[in-house]
Amino acid sequence: MAATQDIQSTQLRLVFENGVDGKGKVIYKNKNYNNINPASTADQLYSVAVAIEGLQSLQLFNIERNDSYMLAGDGQ
């Protein structure tokens, strides 16, 4: 049985360093942006993330793309 996947949605997540805890471990803060065009390229998302970083007071640690897919079989 062959399965297909259709992209349903894309999310851009920016992970920022938000200080350290009492044990010296880095604390992270996520900012999620939903309703991203699934056809967006990695270069486009990176450019947007860098532009958003310039508006933040926190240091950008990581940029993540999260895609959700609908899986379907051929019915056999």
N, C-alpha and C. Protein backbone atom coordinates (compact mmCIF):
# COMPACT_ATOMS: atom_id res chain seq x y z
N MET A 1 0.84 -1.18 0.00
CA MET A 1 0.00 0.00 0.00
C MET A 1 0.89 1.23 0.00
N ALA A 2 0.72 2.05 -0.99
CA ALA A 2 1.50 3.28 -1.09
C ALA A 2 0.74 4.40 -0.37
N ALA A 3 1.47 5.19 0.36
CA ALA A 3 0.88 6.33 1.06
C ALA A 3 1.39 7.62 0.44
N THR A 4 0.55 8.63 0.51
CA THR A 4 0.94 9.96 0.03
C THR A 4 0.88 10.93 1.20
N GLN A 5 1.57 12.02 1.06
CA GLN A 5 1.52 13.05 2.09
C GLN A 5 1.28 14.39 1.43
N ASP A 6 0.36 15.14 2.01
CA ASP A 6 0.04 16.48 1.55
C ASP A 6 0.28 17.45 2.70
N ILE A 7 1.09 18.47 2.45
CA ILE A 7 1.39 19.43 3.50
C ILE A 7 0.13 20.23 3.84
N GLN A 8 -0.16 20.34 5.11
CA GLN A 8 -1.36 21.03 5.59
C GLN A 8 -1.05 22.42 6.13
N SER A 9 0.04 22.54 6.88
CA SER A 9 0.37 23.82 7.48
C SER A 9 1.86 23.89 7.79
N THR A 10 2.34 25.12 7.92
CA THR A 10 3.74 25.37 8.25
C THR A 10 3.80 26.39 9.37
N GLN A 11 4.73 26.18 10.28
CA GLN A 11 4.95 27.08 11.40
C GLN A 11 6.42 27.44 11.46
N LEU A 12 6.71 28.70 11.75
CA LEU A 12 8.08 29.17 11.96
C LEU A 12 8.26 29.39 13.44
N ARG A 13 9.29 28.76 14.02
CA ARG A 13 9.57 28.91 15.45
C ARG A 13 10.95 29.52 15.62
N LEU A 14 11.00 30.60 16.37
CA LEU A 14 12.27 31.22 16.72
C LEU A 14 12.54 30.92 18.19
N VAL A 15 13.73 30.43 18.48
CA VAL A 15 14.12 30.08 19.84
C VAL A 15 15.15 31.10 20.29
N PHE A 16 14.85 31.77 21.40
CA PHE A 16 15.72 32.82 21.94
C PHE A 16 16.30 32.39 23.28
N GLU A 17 17.51 32.86 23.57
CA GLU A 17 18.09 32.67 24.90
C GLU A 17 17.47 33.71 25.82
N ASN A 18 16.97 33.24 26.96
CA ASN A 18 16.26 34.13 27.88
C ASN A 18 16.88 34.10 29.27
N GLY A 19 18.21 34.15 29.33
CA GLY A 19 18.91 34.16 30.61
C GLY A 19 19.33 32.78 31.06
N VAL A 20 19.68 32.69 32.34
CA VAL A 20 20.10 31.41 32.93
C VAL A 20 19.34 31.20 34.24
N ASP A 21 19.16 29.93 34.59
CA ASP A 21 18.49 29.62 35.85
C ASP A 21 19.51 29.61 37.00
N GLY A 22 19.07 29.23 38.16
CA GLY A 22 19.91 29.22 39.35
C GLY A 22 21.09 28.26 39.27
N LYS A 23 21.01 27.27 38.39
CA LYS A 23 22.09 26.30 38.23
C LYS A 23 23.00 26.64 37.06
N GLY A 24 22.77 27.79 36.44
CA GLY A 24 23.61 28.21 35.32
C GLY A 24 23.20 27.63 33.98
N LYS A 25 22.05 26.97 33.93
CA LYS A 25 21.55 26.39 32.69
C LYS A 25 20.77 27.44 31.90
N VAL A 26 21.00 27.48 30.58
CA VAL A 26 20.35 28.47 29.72
C VAL A 26 18.85 28.21 29.66
N ILE A 27 18.07 29.28 29.76
CA ILE A 27 16.61 29.22 29.62
C ILE A 27 16.27 29.71 28.21
N TYR A 28 15.39 28.99 27.54
CA TYR A 28 15.00 29.34 26.18
C TYR A 28 13.55 29.78 26.13
N LYS A 29 13.26 30.70 25.22
CA LYS A 29 11.91 31.19 25.00
C LYS A 29 11.58 31.01 23.52
N ASN A 30 10.42 30.41 23.23
CA ASN A 30 9.99 30.19 21.84
C ASN A 30 8.99 31.25 21.42
N LYS A 31 9.12 31.68 20.18
CA LYS A 31 8.10 32.52 19.55
C LYS A 31 7.67 31.79 18.29
N ASN A 32 6.37 31.47 18.21
CA ASN A 32 5.84 30.71 17.10
C ASN A 32 5.02 31.61 16.18
N TYR A 33 5.23 31.44 14.89
CA TYR A 33 4.48 32.17 13.87
C TYR A 33 3.75 31.15 13.01
N ASN A 34 2.42 31.20 13.06
CA ASN A 34 1.59 30.25 12.33
C ASN A 34 1.14 30.83 10.99
N ASN A 35 0.45 30.03 10.23
CA ASN A 35 -0.10 30.43 8.93
C ASN A 35 0.99 30.85 7.95
N ILE A 36 2.12 30.19 8.01
CA ILE A 36 3.21 30.42 7.07
C ILE A 36 2.87 29.68 5.78
N ASN A 37 3.14 30.31 4.65
CA ASN A 37 2.88 29.67 3.36
C ASN A 37 3.75 28.42 3.24
N PRO A 38 3.15 27.25 3.07
CA PRO A 38 3.92 26.01 2.97
C PRO A 38 4.92 26.00 1.81
N ALA A 39 4.70 26.84 0.81
CA ALA A 39 5.61 26.89 -0.34
C ALA A 39 6.84 27.76 -0.06
N SER A 40 6.93 28.36 1.12
CA SER A 40 8.08 29.20 1.47
C SER A 40 9.35 28.38 1.48
N THR A 41 10.41 28.96 0.94
CA THR A 41 11.70 28.28 0.90
C THR A 41 12.46 28.50 2.21
N ALA A 42 13.50 27.72 2.42
CA ALA A 42 14.34 27.88 3.60
C ALA A 42 14.98 29.27 3.61
N ASP A 43 15.42 29.75 2.44
CA ASP A 43 16.03 31.08 2.37
C ASP A 43 15.04 32.17 2.76
N GLN A 44 13.80 32.05 2.32
CA GLN A 44 12.78 33.04 2.66
C GLN A 44 12.50 33.05 4.16
N LEU A 45 12.36 31.88 4.75
CA LEU A 45 12.10 31.80 6.18
C LEU A 45 13.28 32.32 6.99
N TYR A 46 14.48 32.02 6.54
CA TYR A 46 15.68 32.50 7.23
C TYR A 46 15.73 34.03 7.19
N SER A 47 15.45 34.62 6.04
CA SER A 47 15.46 36.08 5.90
C SER A 47 14.45 36.73 6.84
N VAL A 48 13.26 36.15 6.93
CA VAL A 48 12.24 36.67 7.84
C VAL A 48 12.71 36.55 9.29
N ALA A 49 13.29 35.42 9.64
CA ALA A 49 13.76 35.21 11.02
C ALA A 49 14.83 36.23 11.39
N VAL A 50 15.74 36.50 10.48
CA VAL A 50 16.81 37.48 10.75
C VAL A 50 16.21 38.87 10.92
N ALA A 51 15.20 39.20 10.11
CA ALA A 51 14.55 40.51 10.24
C ALA A 51 13.83 40.63 11.58
N ILE A 52 13.15 39.56 12.01
CA ILE A 52 12.46 39.57 13.30
C ILE A 52 13.47 39.66 14.43
N GLU A 53 14.60 38.98 14.28
CA GLU A 53 15.64 39.01 15.32
C GLU A 53 16.07 40.45 15.60
N GLY A 54 16.16 41.26 14.55
CA GLY A 54 16.58 42.65 14.73
C GLY A 54 15.62 43.46 15.57
N LEU A 55 14.39 42.99 15.73
CA LEU A 55 13.39 43.70 16.52
C LEU A 55 13.31 43.19 17.95
N GLN A 56 14.09 42.17 18.28
CA GLN A 56 14.03 41.53 19.59
C GLN A 56 15.17 42.00 20.49
N SER A 57 14.93 41.94 21.78
CA SER A 57 16.00 42.25 22.73
C SER A 57 16.77 40.99 23.14
N LEU A 58 16.22 39.82 22.86
CA LEU A 58 16.86 38.56 23.21
C LEU A 58 17.74 38.07 22.06
N GLN A 59 18.73 37.23 22.40
CA GLN A 59 19.64 36.65 21.42
C GLN A 59 18.99 35.44 20.75
N LEU A 60 18.97 35.43 19.42
CA LEU A 60 18.40 34.30 18.67
C LEU A 60 19.33 33.09 18.80
N PHE A 61 18.76 31.95 19.19
CA PHE A 61 19.53 30.72 19.36
C PHE A 61 19.31 29.75 18.20
N ASN A 62 18.05 29.65 17.73
CA ASN A 62 17.74 28.65 16.71
C ASN A 62 16.52 29.08 15.91
N ILE A 63 16.47 28.63 14.65
CA ILE A 63 15.33 28.85 13.76
C ILE A 63 14.81 27.48 13.35
N GLU A 64 13.51 27.25 13.53
CA GLU A 64 12.93 25.95 13.22
C GLU A 64 11.73 26.11 12.30
N ARG A 65 11.59 25.16 11.40
CA ARG A 65 10.41 25.09 10.54
C ARG A 65 9.67 23.81 10.91
N ASN A 66 8.38 23.93 11.20
CA ASN A 66 7.56 22.77 11.55
C ASN A 66 6.45 22.63 10.52
N ASP A 67 6.47 21.52 9.78
CA ASP A 67 5.44 21.24 8.79
C ASP A 67 4.55 20.13 9.29
N SER A 68 3.24 20.27 9.03
CA SER A 68 2.27 19.22 9.35
C SER A 68 1.73 18.66 8.05
N TYR A 69 1.62 17.34 7.99
CA TYR A 69 1.19 16.66 6.77
C TYR A 69 -0.05 15.82 7.04
N MET A 70 -0.85 15.67 6.00
CA MET A 70 -1.97 14.72 6.02
C MET A 70 -1.48 13.50 5.24
N LEU A 71 -1.56 12.34 5.86
CA LEU A 71 -1.16 11.09 5.21
C LEU A 71 -2.40 10.37 4.71
N ALA A 72 -2.30 9.82 3.51
CA ALA A 72 -3.43 9.09 2.94
C ALA A 72 -2.91 7.87 2.19
N GLY A 73 -3.66 6.80 2.27
CA GLY A 73 -3.32 5.59 1.52
C GLY A 73 -4.13 5.52 0.23
N ASP A 74 -3.82 4.54 -0.58
CA ASP A 74 -4.53 4.40 -1.86
C ASP A 74 -5.82 3.58 -1.70
N GLY A 75 -6.20 3.26 -0.49
CA GLY A 75 -7.46 2.58 -0.22
C GLY A 75 -7.42 1.07 -0.34
N GLN A 76 -6.25 0.48 -0.51
CA GLN A 76 -6.18 -0.96 -0.65
C GLN A 76 -5.67 -1.61 0.60
